[in-house]
Amino acid sequence: MSSVPKNFRIDSDLNDQATALLEGLGHSMSQAVSEAERLEADPNTKRYTDMNEMWADLDK
């Protein structure tokens, strides 16, 4: 699979918060974006339109 560079703008405070959170989890922003892209491309990934349903599944 080939890759292409992506650029996007994000609020600097939000970026700092996200970076700190991800680093605390042992990940980088790049790894998080790659994982989100992988999940989005996977047709078996469950999608939610209702937050209550999502939380109910997480509580299982």
Protein backbone atom coordinates (compact mmCIF):
# COMPACT_ATOMS: atom_id res chain seq x y z
CA MET A 1 0.00 0.00 0.00
CA SER A 2 1.38 3.40 -0.90
CA SER A 3 1.03 6.41 1.31
CA VAL A 4 0.66 10.12 0.73
CA PRO A 5 1.41 13.01 3.07
CA LYS A 6 -1.55 14.73 4.69
CA ASN A 7 -1.59 18.17 6.23
CA PHE A 8 -4.32 19.69 8.34
CA ARG A 9 -4.65 22.58 10.74
CA ILE A 10 -5.66 22.12 14.36
CA ASP A 11 -5.95 24.55 17.26
CA SER A 12 -2.59 24.59 19.07
CA ASP A 13 -4.13 24.04 22.53
CA LEU A 14 -6.16 21.09 21.25
CA ASN A 15 -3.06 19.69 19.57
CA ASP A 16 -1.08 19.97 22.82
CA GLN A 17 -3.86 18.24 24.77
CA ALA A 18 -4.19 15.45 22.21
CA THR A 19 -0.42 14.96 22.06
CA ALA A 20 -0.18 14.74 25.86
CA LEU A 21 -3.07 12.27 26.03
CA LEU A 22 -1.68 10.07 23.28
CA GLU A 23 1.85 10.14 24.72
CA GLY A 24 0.39 9.07 28.06
CA LEU A 25 -1.11 6.09 26.26
CA GLY A 26 2.21 5.33 24.57
CA HIS A 27 1.16 6.54 21.10
CA SER A 28 1.95 9.40 18.78
CA MET A 29 -0.46 11.56 16.81
CA SER A 30 0.73 9.81 13.66
CA GLN A 31 -0.05 6.38 15.13
CA ALA A 32 -3.51 7.54 16.22
CA VAL A 33 -4.34 8.91 12.77
CA SER A 34 -3.10 5.71 11.13
CA GLU A 35 -5.27 3.61 13.44
CA ALA A 36 -8.32 5.81 12.77
CA GLU A 37 -7.76 5.41 9.02
CA ARG A 38 -7.43 1.63 9.42
CA LEU A 39 -10.66 1.43 11.42
CA GLU A 40 -12.50 3.63 8.93
CA ALA A 41 -11.44 1.39 6.04
CA ASP A 42 -12.45 -1.83 7.86
CA PRO A 43 -16.02 -2.76 6.88
CA ASN A 44 -16.30 -4.89 10.05
CA THR A 45 -15.77 -1.92 12.38
CA LYS A 46 -18.99 -1.15 14.23
CA ARG A 47 -20.32 2.34 13.58
CA TYR A 48 -22.40 4.29 16.08
CA THR A 49 -25.01 6.98 15.57
CA ASP A 50 -26.15 6.88 19.18
CA MET A 51 -23.76 7.64 22.05
CA ASN A 52 -25.92 5.69 24.53
CA GLU A 53 -25.53 2.57 22.38
CA MET A 54 -21.77 3.09 22.28
CA TRP A 55 -21.54 3.47 26.07
CA ALA A 56 -23.76 0.40 26.57
CA ASP A 57 -21.42 -1.65 24.38
CA LEU A 58 -18.39 -0.36 26.29
CA ASP A 59 -20.00 -1.34 29.60
CA LYS A 60 -20.37 -4.97 28.45
